Amino acid sequence: MSLTLKQLRYVEALAQHGHFGRAAETCAISQPALSMQVRDLEERLGAALFERGARGVSLSPFGSEFLERARDILRAVDELEDLARAAQGQLAGRLRLGVIPTIAPYLLPGFLGRLMRSHADLDIHVRETLTPRLIRELDEGRLDTAIVALPVSEPWLTEMPLFSENFLLVRPLAEANLPVPDRESLREMRLLLLEEGHCFRDQALSFCNLHASAPRELLDGSSLSTLVQMVGAGIGVTLIPEMAVAVETRSAPVATARFPAPEPSRTIGMVWRKTNPLAPQLQQVAEVLREAAG
C-alpha cells in the first residue's frame, strides 16, 4: 500500500472544511478529483476516514487517529522544506502568517507594505482569527508564525515580545468632560465587550477585576468597530487598544480618554514553533514588525 503526501493534504483539508467543494478549492483541484483521491485512499486503507452526511462530512473515529498521525508527517515534510530555505540564509518563498482581529486592521497595512518592500521574494499568506485557533494551526503546521497578545504560555512556542500599547476608554461625546472613571467605577457602568474567545475581552475584564461569568448589563460585539458605534449611540462605554483609536473613532460621536496610572495595556509579539528551522528568518520579520509599529 502506498500513500501520497497529496492524499494526506487532501484529507487534512477535508477535515478542516467539512465540505468537499471548499476543500477542493483550498487544494486547487476539482471536487470530483478530490473525492476520488480520498475514496481511493480509504479503499487502500480498508476503512472509512470520513462519515458522509447531508450537511457535510466529518472524521470517523479511525479518521481522527489517522489525521493526527498524518499531520505529524506533513509537519515534518514542511519543516524539511523550511530547513532547505533556512540554509539559503534568505527570507523568501511562502510565509504563512496568523494575526488576531484586534491587531490585523490596524497594524497589517503598514507592516505588510514594509515587509514586501524589504523582502520582495516573499509570498505572504495571512490568516486572521482568534488566538486559540492560531495556536492550534501553528501546532498543526498550517502557520509559520502568528502576531498575538502575549503571553500565550505554550512550552513548544518561542515568544518574541515586540511592543506594548495601552487601552483607552471610549465613551459618548457628551461625556467627554466628565472625570475618567477608575476601575472600581467602571465595574458599575455598562461596559461593552468583544464576544467570548477574544483575548482582548479577557484583558478588559481583568483590568476591571470582573469575572467572565459575573452577571452584567452588557453587549458582546464581534468587532471593535461594532463596540465603538454602540458607544456612539449612547448604549455604554468600552475599551479599545491605542492602535485602533484613529481608525475606529473617526466616524462615531465618541470621546477617548486615558486611564490614570497604571494604565491597562497589552504586549504584542510574535510566536512560532521552537522546531521551526526558519527561526532566524522569523526574527527578521519580527524586527520589521517592530519598526512598522514604531
C-alpha atoms as a PDB file:
ATOM      1  CA  MET A   1       0.000   0.000   0.000  1.00  0.00           C
ATOM      2  CA  SER A   2       1.391   3.405  -0.980  1.00  0.00           C
ATOM      3  CA  LEU A   3       0.134   6.693   0.408  1.00  0.00           C
ATOM      4  CA  THR A   4       0.995  10.035  -1.156  1.00  0.00           C
ATOM      5  CA  LEU A   5       1.593  13.376   0.507  1.00  0.00           C
ATOM      6  CA  LYS A   6      -1.085  14.870  -1.729  1.00  0.00           C
ATOM      7  CA  GLN A   7      -3.635  12.435  -0.372  1.00  0.00           C
ATOM      8  CA  LEU A   8      -2.673  13.320   3.184  1.00  0.00           C
ATOM      9  CA  ARG A   9      -3.101  17.021   2.392  1.00  0.00           C
ATOM     10  CA  TYR A  10      -6.496  16.325   0.837  1.00  0.00           C
ATOM     11  CA  VAL A  11      -7.596  14.502   3.986  1.00  0.00           C
ATOM     12  CA  GLU A  12      -6.371  17.391   6.144  1.00  0.00           C
ATOM     13  CA  ALA A  13      -8.213  19.964   4.008  1.00  0.00           C
ATOM     14  CA  LEU A  14     -11.428  17.941   4.019  1.00  0.00           C
ATOM     15  CA  ALA A  15     -11.245  17.520   7.793  1.00  0.00           C
ATOM     16  CA  GLN A  16     -10.684  21.248   8.199  1.00  0.00           C
ATOM     17  CA  HIS A  17     -13.549  22.403   5.964  1.00  0.00           C
ATOM     18  CA  GLY A  18     -16.011  19.529   6.355  1.00  0.00           C
ATOM     19  CA  HIS A  19     -17.075  20.079   2.750  1.00  0.00           C
ATOM     20  CA  PHE A  20     -15.695  18.586  -0.471  1.00  0.00           C
ATOM     21  CA  GLY A  21     -16.183  21.771  -2.511  1.00  0.00           C
ATOM     22  CA  ARG A  22     -14.362  24.074  -0.081  1.00  0.00           C
ATOM     23  CA  ALA A  23     -11.602  21.535   0.494  1.00  0.00           C
ATOM     24  CA  ALA A  24     -11.103  21.131  -3.262  1.00  0.00           C
ATOM     25  CA  GLU A  25     -10.913  24.898  -3.694  1.00  0.00           C
ATOM     26  CA  THR A  26      -8.262  25.112  -0.980  1.00  0.00           C
ATOM     27  CA  CYS A  27      -6.246  22.355  -2.659  1.00  0.00           C
ATOM     28  CA  ALA A  28      -6.676  23.907  -6.126  1.00  0.00           C
ATOM     29  CA  ILE A  29      -8.205  20.779  -7.673  1.00  0.00           C
ATOM     30  CA  SER A  30     -11.693  19.853  -8.819  1.00  0.00           C
ATOM     31  CA  GLN A  31     -14.206  18.476  -6.348  1.00  0.00           C
ATOM     32  CA  PRO A  32     -14.587  15.121  -8.186  1.00  0.00           C
ATOM     33  CA  ALA A  33     -10.802  14.687  -8.237  1.00  0.00           C
ATOM     34  CA  LEU A  34     -10.504  15.303  -4.504  1.00  0.00           C
ATOM     35  CA  SER A  35     -13.417  12.974  -3.779  1.00  0.00           C
ATOM     36  CA  MET A  36     -11.848  10.263  -5.898  1.00  0.00           C
ATOM     37  CA  GLN A  37      -8.463  10.623  -4.192  1.00  0.00           C
ATOM     38  CA  VAL A  38      -9.989  10.386  -0.707  1.00  0.00           C
ATOM     39  CA  ARG A  39     -12.120   7.384  -1.650  1.00  0.00           C
ATOM     40  CA  ASP A  40      -9.103   5.674  -3.236  1.00  0.00           C
ATOM     41  CA  LEU A  41      -7.147   6.207  -0.022  1.00  0.00           C
ATOM     42  CA  GLU A  42      -9.992   4.759   2.060  1.00  0.00           C
ATOM     43  CA  GLU A  43     -10.101   1.687  -0.163  1.00  0.00           C
ATOM     44  CA  ARG A  44      -6.359   1.211   0.225  1.00  0.00           C
ATOM     45  CA  LEU A  45      -6.655   1.545   3.990  1.00  0.00           C
ATOM     46  CA  GLY A  46      -9.705  -0.687   4.179  1.00  0.00           C
ATOM     47  CA  ALA A  47     -11.514   1.735   6.493  1.00  0.00           C
ATOM     48  CA  ALA A  48     -13.557   4.906   6.193  1.00  0.00           C
ATOM     49  CA  LEU A  49     -11.809   8.145   7.101  1.00  0.00           C
ATOM     50  CA  PHE A  50     -14.977  10.243   6.919  1.00  0.00           C
ATOM     51  CA  GLU A  51     -18.659   9.921   7.699  1.00  0.00           C
ATOM     52  CA  ARG A  52     -20.678  11.449   4.846  1.00  0.00           C
ATOM     53  CA  GLY A  53     -23.935  13.224   5.642  1.00  0.00           C
ATOM     54  CA  ALA A  54     -26.410  15.592   4.023  1.00  0.00           C
ATOM     55  CA  ARG A  55     -24.815  18.571   5.759  1.00  0.00           C
ATOM     56  CA  GLY A  56     -21.214  17.692   5.016  1.00  0.00           C
ATOM     57  CA  VAL A  57     -18.535  15.280   6.133  1.00  0.00           C
ATOM     58  CA  SER A  58     -16.870  14.621   9.461  1.00  0.00           C
ATOM     59  CA  LEU A  59     -13.996  12.425  10.550  1.00  0.00           C
ATOM     60  CA  SER A  60     -14.723   8.874  11.596  1.00  0.00           C
ATOM     61  CA  PRO A  61     -13.059   7.629  14.813  1.00  0.00           C
ATOM     62  CA  PHE A  62     -10.417   5.952  12.663  1.00  0.00           C
ATOM     63  CA  GLY A  63     -10.100   9.134  10.585  1.00  0.00           C
ATOM     64  CA  SER A  64      -9.374  11.228  13.677  1.00  0.00           C
ATOM     65  CA  GLU A  65      -6.499   8.975  14.677  1.00  0.00           C
ATOM     66  CA  PHE A  66      -5.249   8.777  11.091  1.00  0.00           C
ATOM     67  CA  LEU A  67      -5.301  12.581  10.709  1.00  0.00           C
ATOM     68  CA  GLU A  68      -3.330  13.109  13.914  1.00  0.00           C
ATOM     69  CA  ARG A  69      -0.522  10.952  12.541  1.00  0.00           C
ATOM     70  CA  ALA A  70      -0.851  12.401   9.039  1.00  0.00           C
ATOM     71  CA  ARG A  71      -0.355  15.900  10.423  1.00  0.00           C
ATOM     72  CA  ASP A  72       2.861  14.790  12.110  1.00  0.00           C
ATOM     73  CA  ILE A  73       4.102  13.608   8.711  1.00  0.00           C
ATOM     74  CA  LEU A  74       3.021  16.766   6.896  1.00  0.00           C
ATOM     75  CA  ARG A  75       4.569  18.991   9.545  1.00  0.00           C
ATOM     76  CA  ALA A  76       7.850  17.093   9.289  1.00  0.00           C
ATOM     77  CA  VAL A  77       7.831  17.459   5.491  1.00  0.00           C
ATOM     78  CA  ASP A  78       7.140  21.190   5.753  1.00  0.00           C
ATOM     79  CA  GLU A  79       9.996  21.572   8.214  1.00  0.00           C
ATOM     80  CA  LEU A  80      12.332  19.764   5.796  1.00  0.00           C
ATOM     81  CA  GLU A  81      11.380  22.316   3.152  1.00  0.00           C
ATOM     82  CA  ASP A  82      11.880  25.117   5.682  1.00  0.00           C
ATOM     83  CA  LEU A  83      15.273  23.673   6.597  1.00  0.00           C
ATOM     84  CA  ALA A  84      16.345  23.956   2.962  1.00  0.00           C
ATOM     85  CA  ARG A  85      15.069  27.547   2.802  1.00  0.00           C
ATOM     86  CA  ALA A  86      16.852  28.413   6.048  1.00  0.00           C
ATOM     87  CA  ALA A  87      20.115  27.032   4.674  1.00  0.00           C
ATOM     88  CA  GLN A  88      19.960  29.677   1.945  1.00  0.00           C
ATOM     89  CA  GLY A  89      20.068  32.360   4.630  1.00  0.00           C
ATOM     90  CA  GLN A  90      17.420  34.493   2.954  1.00  0.00           C
ATOM     91  CA  LEU A  91      13.794  35.187   3.754  1.00  0.00           C
ATOM     92  CA  ALA A  92      11.949  34.156   0.594  1.00  0.00           C
ATOM     93  CA  GLY A  93       9.119  31.923  -0.540  1.00  0.00           C
ATOM     94  CA  ARG A  94       5.919  31.192   1.327  1.00  0.00           C
ATOM     95  CA  LEU A  95       5.242  32.823   4.691  1.00  0.00           C
ATOM     96  CA  ARG A  96       2.024  31.781   6.428  1.00  0.00           C
ATOM     97  CA  LEU A  97       1.229  34.486   8.945  1.00  0.00           C
ATOM     98  CA  GLY A  98      -1.556  34.453  11.506  1.00  0.00           C
ATOM     99  CA  VAL A  99      -2.882  37.532  13.303  1.00  0.00           C
ATOM    100  CA  ILE A 100      -5.679  38.248  15.783  1.00  0.00           C
ATOM    101  CA  PRO A 101      -8.610  40.529  14.763  1.00  0.00           C
ATOM    102  CA  THR A 102      -7.804  43.282  17.274  1.00  0.00           C
ATOM    103  CA  ILE A 103      -4.439  43.776  15.578  1.00  0.00           C
ATOM    104  CA  ALA A 104      -4.931  42.912  11.901  1.00  0.00           C
ATOM    105  CA  PRO A 105      -6.751  46.018  10.528  1.00  0.00           C
ATOM    106  CA  TYR A 106      -4.518  48.496  12.315  1.00  0.00           C
ATOM    107  CA  LEU A 107      -1.032  47.027  12.047  1.00  0.00           C
ATOM    108  CA  LEU A 108      -1.013  44.846   8.926  1.00  0.00           C
ATOM    109  CA  PRO A 109      -1.277  47.523   6.181  1.00  0.00           C
ATOM    110  CA  GLY A 110       1.914  49.330   7.183  1.00  0.00           C
ATOM    111  CA  PHE A 111       3.715  46.185   8.275  1.00  0.00           C
ATOM    112  CA  LEU A 112       2.994  44.135   5.146  1.00  0.00           C
ATOM    113  CA  GLY A 113       3.922  47.017   2.872  1.00  0.00           C
ATOM    114  CA  ARG A 114       7.246  47.425   4.643  1.00  0.00           C
ATOM    115  CA  LEU A 115       7.887  43.657   4.666  1.00  0.00           C
ATOM    116  CA  MET A 116       7.175  43.277   0.945  1.00  0.00           C
ATOM    117  CA  ARG A 117       9.483  46.175   0.123  1.00  0.00           C
ATOM    118  CA  SER A 118      12.338  44.720   2.174  1.00  0.00           C
ATOM    119  CA  HIS A 119      11.740  41.093   1.098  1.00  0.00           C
ATOM    120  CA  ALA A 120      10.349  41.183  -2.428  1.00  0.00           C
ATOM    121  CA  ASP A 121      10.588  37.398  -2.870  1.00  0.00           C
ATOM    122  CA  LEU A 122       8.187  36.624  -0.041  1.00  0.00           C
ATOM    123  CA  ASP A 123       4.813  35.047  -0.848  1.00  0.00           C
ATOM    124  CA  ILE A 124       2.747  36.110   2.170  1.00  0.00           C
ATOM    125  CA  HIS A 125      -0.445  34.287   3.177  1.00  0.00           C
ATOM    126  CA  VAL A 126      -2.387  35.978   6.006  1.00  0.00           C
ATOM    127  CA  ARG A 127      -4.815  34.186   8.307  1.00  0.00           C
ATOM    128  CA  GLU A 128      -6.938  36.344  10.660  1.00  0.00           C
ATOM    129  CA  THR A 129      -8.672  34.521  13.510  1.00  0.00           C
ATOM    130  CA  LEU A 130      -8.783  34.183  17.293  1.00  0.00           C
ATOM    131  CA  THR A 131      -5.750  33.231  19.372  1.00  0.00           C
ATOM    132  CA  PRO A 132      -6.805  29.648  20.281  1.00  0.00           C
ATOM    133  CA  ARG A 133      -7.295  28.781  16.614  1.00  0.00           C
ATOM    134  CA  LEU A 134      -3.981  30.384  15.629  1.00  0.00           C
ATOM    135  CA  ILE A 135      -2.177  28.356  18.288  1.00  0.00           C
ATOM    136  CA  ARG A 136      -3.848  25.165  17.068  1.00  0.00           C
ATOM    137  CA  GLU A 137      -2.877  25.895  13.452  1.00  0.00           C
ATOM    138  CA  LEU A 138       0.715  26.617  14.495  1.00  0.00           C
ATOM    139  CA  ASP A 139       0.769  23.258  16.260  1.00  0.00           C
ATOM    140  CA  GLU A 140      -0.629  21.538  13.178  1.00  0.00           C
ATOM    141  CA  GLY A 141       1.975  23.165  10.943  1.00  0.00           C
ATOM    142  CA  ARG A 142      -0.546  25.208   8.943  1.00  0.00           C
ATOM    143  CA  LEU A 143       1.033  28.509  10.038  1.00  0.00           C
ATOM    144  CA  ASP A 144       4.666  29.571  10.257  1.00  0.00           C
ATOM    145  CA  THR A 145       4.179  32.348  12.786  1.00  0.00           C
ATOM    146  CA  ALA A 146       1.472  34.481  14.377  1.00  0.00           C
ATOM    147  CA  ILE A 147       1.093  38.004  15.760  1.00  0.00           C
ATOM    148  CA  VAL A 148      -0.766  37.827  19.073  1.00  0.00           C
ATOM    149  CA  ALA A 149      -1.057  39.348  22.527  1.00  0.00           C
ATOM    150  CA  LEU A 150       1.478  37.784  24.880  1.00  0.00           C
ATOM    151  CA  PRO A 151       1.904  35.617  26.827  1.00  0.00           C
ATOM    152  CA  VAL A 152       0.395  32.504  25.286  1.00  0.00           C
ATOM    153  CA  SER A 153       2.410  30.252  27.621  1.00  0.00           C
ATOM    154  CA  GLU A 154       2.815  27.231  25.372  1.00  0.00           C
ATOM    155  CA  PRO A 155       6.137  25.479  26.103  1.00  0.00           C
ATOM    156  CA  TRP A 156       6.607  24.421  22.471  1.00  0.00           C
ATOM    157  CA  LEU A 157       6.392  28.007  21.169  1.00  0.00           C
ATOM    158  CA  THR A 158       9.016  30.728  21.001  1.00  0.00           C
ATOM    159  CA  GLU A 159       7.569  34.080  22.128  1.00  0.00           C
ATOM    160  CA  MET A 160       9.174  37.325  20.986  1.00  0.00           C
ATOM    161  CA  PRO A 161       7.732  40.455  22.646  1.00  0.00           C
ATOM    162  CA  LEU A 162       7.795  43.452  20.282  1.00  0.00           C
ATOM    163  CA  PHE A 163       5.970  46.375  21.871  1.00  0.00           C
ATOM    164  CA  SER A 164       3.318  47.319  24.403  1.00  0.00           C
ATOM    165  CA  GLU A 165       0.284  49.547  23.990  1.00  0.00           C
ATOM    166  CA  ASN A 166      -2.275  50.998  26.370  1.00  0.00           C
ATOM    167  CA  PHE A 167      -6.046  50.621  26.368  1.00  0.00           C
ATOM    168  CA  LEU A 168      -8.174  53.764  26.144  1.00  0.00           C
ATOM    169  CA  LEU A 169     -11.673  54.447  27.390  1.00  0.00           C
ATOM    170  CA  VAL A 170     -14.255  55.205  24.695  1.00  0.00           C
ATOM    171  CA  ARG A 171     -17.432  56.960  25.838  1.00  0.00           C
ATOM    172  CA  PRO A 172     -20.192  59.084  24.271  1.00  0.00           C
ATOM    173  CA  LEU A 173     -19.095  62.527  23.111  1.00  0.00           C
ATOM    174  CA  ALA A 174     -21.484  64.158  25.582  1.00  0.00           C
ATOM    175  CA  GLU A 175     -19.445  62.648  28.428  1.00  0.00           C
ATOM    176  CA  ALA A 176     -16.097  63.960  27.175  1.00  0.00           C
ATOM    177  CA  ASN A 177     -15.612  66.401  30.059  1.00  0.00           C
ATOM    178  CA  LEU A 178     -16.571  64.016  32.854  1.00  0.00           C
ATOM    179  CA  PRO A 179     -13.864  62.642  35.144  1.00  0.00           C
ATOM    180  CA  VAL A 180     -12.259  59.425  33.890  1.00  0.00           C
ATOM    181  CA  PRO A 181     -13.662  56.541  35.916  1.00  0.00           C
ATOM    182  CA  ASP A 182     -11.299  54.311  37.867  1.00  0.00           C
ATOM    183  CA  ARG A 183     -11.613  50.562  37.550  1.00  0.00           C
ATOM    184  CA  GLU A 184     -13.992  50.356  40.515  1.00  0.00           C
ATOM    185  CA  SER A 185     -16.347  52.908  38.921  1.00  0.00           C
ATOM    186  CA  LEU A 186     -16.016  51.198  35.537  1.00  0.00           C
ATOM    187  CA  ARG A 187     -17.386  47.984  37.027  1.00  0.00           C
ATOM    188  CA  GLU A 188     -20.649  49.791  37.733  1.00  0.00           C
ATOM    189  CA  MET A 189     -21.018  51.125  34.166  1.00  0.00           C
ATOM    190  CA  ARG A 190     -22.486  49.391  31.112  1.00  0.00           C
ATOM    191  CA  LEU A 191     -19.274  48.000  29.686  1.00  0.00           C
ATOM    192  CA  LEU A 192     -19.408  46.778  26.080  1.00  0.00           C
ATOM    193  CA  LEU A 193     -17.000  43.955  25.286  1.00  0.00           C
ATOM    194  CA  LEU A 194     -15.964  41.690  22.451  1.00  0.00           C
ATOM    195  CA  GLU A 195     -17.651  38.301  22.369  1.00  0.00           C
ATOM    196  CA  GLU A 196     -16.229  35.201  24.025  1.00  0.00           C
ATOM    197  CA  GLY A 197     -12.971  33.925  22.552  1.00  0.00           C
ATOM    198  CA  HIS A 198     -11.235  37.280  22.054  1.00  0.00           C
ATOM    199  CA  CYS A 199      -8.201  37.688  24.289  1.00  0.00           C
ATOM    200  CA  PHE A 200      -8.883  41.440  24.381  1.00  0.00           C
ATOM    201  CA  ARG A 201     -12.174  40.695  26.164  1.00  0.00           C
ATOM    202  CA  ASP A 202     -10.301  38.787  28.859  1.00  0.00           C
ATOM    203  CA  GLN A 203      -7.781  41.618  29.229  1.00  0.00           C
ATOM    204  CA  ALA A 204     -10.552  44.201  29.672  1.00  0.00           C
ATOM    205  CA  LEU A 205     -12.326  42.016  32.243  1.00  0.00           C
ATOM    206  CA  SER A 206      -9.043  41.557  34.103  1.00  0.00           C
ATOM    207  CA  PHE A 207      -8.457  45.322  34.276  1.00  0.00           C
ATOM    208  CA  CYS A 208     -11.935  45.846  35.717  1.00  0.00           C
ATOM    209  CA  ASN A 209     -11.452  42.895  38.080  1.00  0.00           C
ATOM    210  CA  LEU A 210     -14.588  41.285  36.661  1.00  0.00           C
ATOM    211  CA  HIS A 211     -15.220  37.588  36.136  1.00  0.00           C
ATOM    212  CA  ALA A 212     -16.433  36.487  32.711  1.00  0.00           C
ATOM    213  CA  SER A 213     -19.336  34.659  34.344  1.00  0.00           C
ATOM    214  CA  ALA A 214     -20.447  37.575  36.503  1.00  0.00           C
ATOM    215  CA  PRO A 215     -23.933  38.880  35.592  1.00  0.00           C
ATOM    216  CA  ARG A 216     -23.626  42.290  33.949  1.00  0.00           C
ATOM    217  CA  GLU A 217     -25.621  44.544  31.694  1.00  0.00           C
ATOM    218  CA  LEU A 218     -23.594  44.370  28.515  1.00  0.00           C
ATOM    219  CA  LEU A 219     -23.442  43.931  24.787  1.00  0.00           C
ATOM    220  CA  ASP A 220     -20.992  41.460  23.275  1.00  0.00           C
ATOM    221  CA  GLY A 221     -19.737  42.626  19.872  1.00  0.00           C
ATOM    222  CA  SER A 222     -17.914  40.776  17.130  1.00  0.00           C
ATOM    223  CA  SER A 223     -15.537  43.666  16.378  1.00  0.00           C
ATOM    224  CA  LEU A 224     -14.092  46.812  17.908  1.00  0.00           C
ATOM    225  CA  SER A 225     -15.928  48.797  15.219  1.00  0.00           C
ATOM    226  CA  THR A 226     -19.284  47.483  16.470  1.00  0.00           C
ATOM    227  CA  LEU A 227     -18.445  48.392  20.052  1.00  0.00           C
ATOM    228  CA  VAL A 228     -17.422  51.954  19.190  1.00  0.00           C
ATOM    229  CA  GLN A 229     -20.539  52.531  17.109  1.00  0.00           C
ATOM    230  CA  MET A 230     -22.681  51.300  20.014  1.00  0.00           C
ATOM    231  CA  VAL A 231     -20.898  53.710  22.330  1.00  0.00           C
ATOM    232  CA  GLY A 232     -21.638  56.495  19.839  1.00  0.00           C
ATOM    233  CA  ALA A 233     -25.313  55.519  20.060  1.00  0.00           C
ATOM    234  CA  GLY A 234     -25.208  56.055  23.821  1.00  0.00           C
ATOM    235  CA  ILE A 235     -25.500  52.412  24.811  1.00  0.00           C
ATOM    236  CA  GLY A 236     -22.449  52.243  27.074  1.00  0.00           C
ATOM    237  CA  VAL A 237     -18.674  52.575  27.216  1.00  0.00           C
ATOM    238  CA  THR A 238     -15.854  50.354  26.010  1.00  0.00           C
ATOM    239  CA  LEU A 239     -12.091  49.911  25.969  1.00  0.00           C
ATOM    240  CA  ILE A 240     -10.031  49.705  22.793  1.00  0.00           C
ATOM    241  CA  PRO A 241      -6.299  49.323  22.147  1.00  0.00           C
ATOM    242  CA  GLU A 242      -4.458  52.502  21.271  1.00  0.00           C
ATOM    243  CA  MET A 243      -3.564  51.321  17.750  1.00  0.00           C
ATOM    244  CA  ALA A 244      -7.298  51.137  16.918  1.00  0.00           C
ATOM    245  CA  VAL A 245      -8.273  54.620  18.063  1.00  0.00           C
ATOM    246  CA  ALA A 246      -7.606  56.571  14.855  1.00  0.00           C
ATOM    247  CA  VAL A 247      -9.465  54.069  12.668  1.00  0.00           C
ATOM    248  CA  GLU A 248     -12.448  53.264  14.862  1.00  0.00           C
ATOM    249  CA  THR A 249     -13.329  56.679  16.313  1.00  0.00           C
ATOM    250  CA  ARG A 250     -13.232  58.801  13.157  1.00  0.00           C
ATOM    251  CA  SER A 251     -16.837  58.069  12.167  1.00  0.00           C
ATOM    252  CA  ALA A 252     -18.540  57.867  15.560  1.00  0.00           C
ATOM    253  CA  PRO A 253     -19.596  60.630  18.015  1.00  0.00           C
ATOM    254  CA  VAL A 254     -17.345  59.406  20.812  1.00  0.00           C
ATOM    255  CA  ALA A 255     -14.564  60.716  23.026  1.00  0.00           C
ATOM    256  CA  THR A 256     -11.477  58.851  24.203  1.00  0.00           C
ATOM    257  CA  ALA A 257      -9.617  59.224  27.471  1.00  0.00           C
ATOM    258  CA  ARG A 258      -6.611  57.683  29.151  1.00  0.00           C
ATOM    259  CA  PHE A 259      -6.925  55.938  32.465  1.00  0.00           C
ATOM    260  CA  PRO A 260      -4.852  57.084  35.449  1.00  0.00           C
ATOM    261  CA  ALA A 261      -1.654  55.122  36.056  1.00  0.00           C
ATOM    262  CA  PRO A 262      -1.143  52.246  35.990  1.00  0.00           C
ATOM    263  CA  GLU A 263      -2.895  52.218  32.618  1.00  0.00           C
ATOM    264  CA  PRO A 264      -4.261  48.921  31.283  1.00  0.00           C
ATOM    265  CA  SER A 265      -2.081  47.590  28.489  1.00  0.00           C
ATOM    266  CA  ARG A 266      -1.119  44.567  26.452  1.00  0.00           C
ATOM    267  CA  THR A 267       2.129  43.249  24.982  1.00  0.00           C
ATOM    268  CA  ILE A 268       2.163  42.410  21.270  1.00  0.00           C
ATOM    269  CA  GLY A 269       4.588  39.860  19.922  1.00  0.00           C
ATOM    270  CA  MET A 270       5.232  37.034  17.513  1.00  0.00           C
ATOM    271  CA  VAL A 271       5.187  33.318  18.220  1.00  0.00           C
ATOM    272  CA  TRP A 272       6.441  30.319  16.275  1.00  0.00           C
ATOM    273  CA  ARG A 273       7.260  26.675  16.892  1.00  0.00           C
ATOM    274  CA  LYS A 274      10.605  26.116  18.567  1.00  0.00           C
ATOM    275  CA  THR A 275      11.303  23.393  15.996  1.00  0.00           C
ATOM    276  CA  ASN A 276      10.816  25.748  13.049  1.00  0.00           C
ATOM    277  CA  PRO A 277      14.099  25.916  11.063  1.00  0.00           C
ATOM    278  CA  LEU A 278      13.111  29.396   9.851  1.00  0.00           C
ATOM    279  CA  ALA A 279      13.524  30.906  13.327  1.00  0.00           C
ATOM    280  CA  PRO A 280      16.377  33.261  12.271  1.00  0.00           C
ATOM    281  CA  GLN A 281      14.328  34.487   9.305  1.00  0.00           C
ATOM    282  CA  LEU A 282      11.239  34.926  11.503  1.00  0.00           C
ATOM    283  CA  GLN A 283      13.310  37.118  13.791  1.00  0.00           C
ATOM    284  CA  GLN A 284      13.912  39.343  10.748  1.00  0.00           C
ATOM    285  CA  VAL A 285      10.132  39.532  10.248  1.00  0.00           C
ATOM    286  CA  ALA A 286       9.751  40.470  13.905  1.00  0.00           C
ATOM    287  CA  GLU A 287      12.196  43.340  13.506  1.00  0.00           C
ATOM    288  CA  VAL A 288      10.255  44.679  10.524  1.00  0.00           C
ATOM    289  CA  LEU A 289       7.091  44.475  12.605  1.00  0.00           C
ATOM    290  CA  ARG A 290       8.718  46.363  15.474  1.00  0.00           C
ATOM    291  CA  GLU A 291       9.809  49.106  13.048  1.00  0.00           C
ATOM    292  CA  ALA A 292       6.337  49.339  11.497  1.00  0.00           C
ATOM    293  CA  ALA A 293       4.735  49.687  14.927  1.00  0.00           C
ATOM    294  CA  GLY A 294       7.191  52.389  15.966  1.00  0.00           C
END
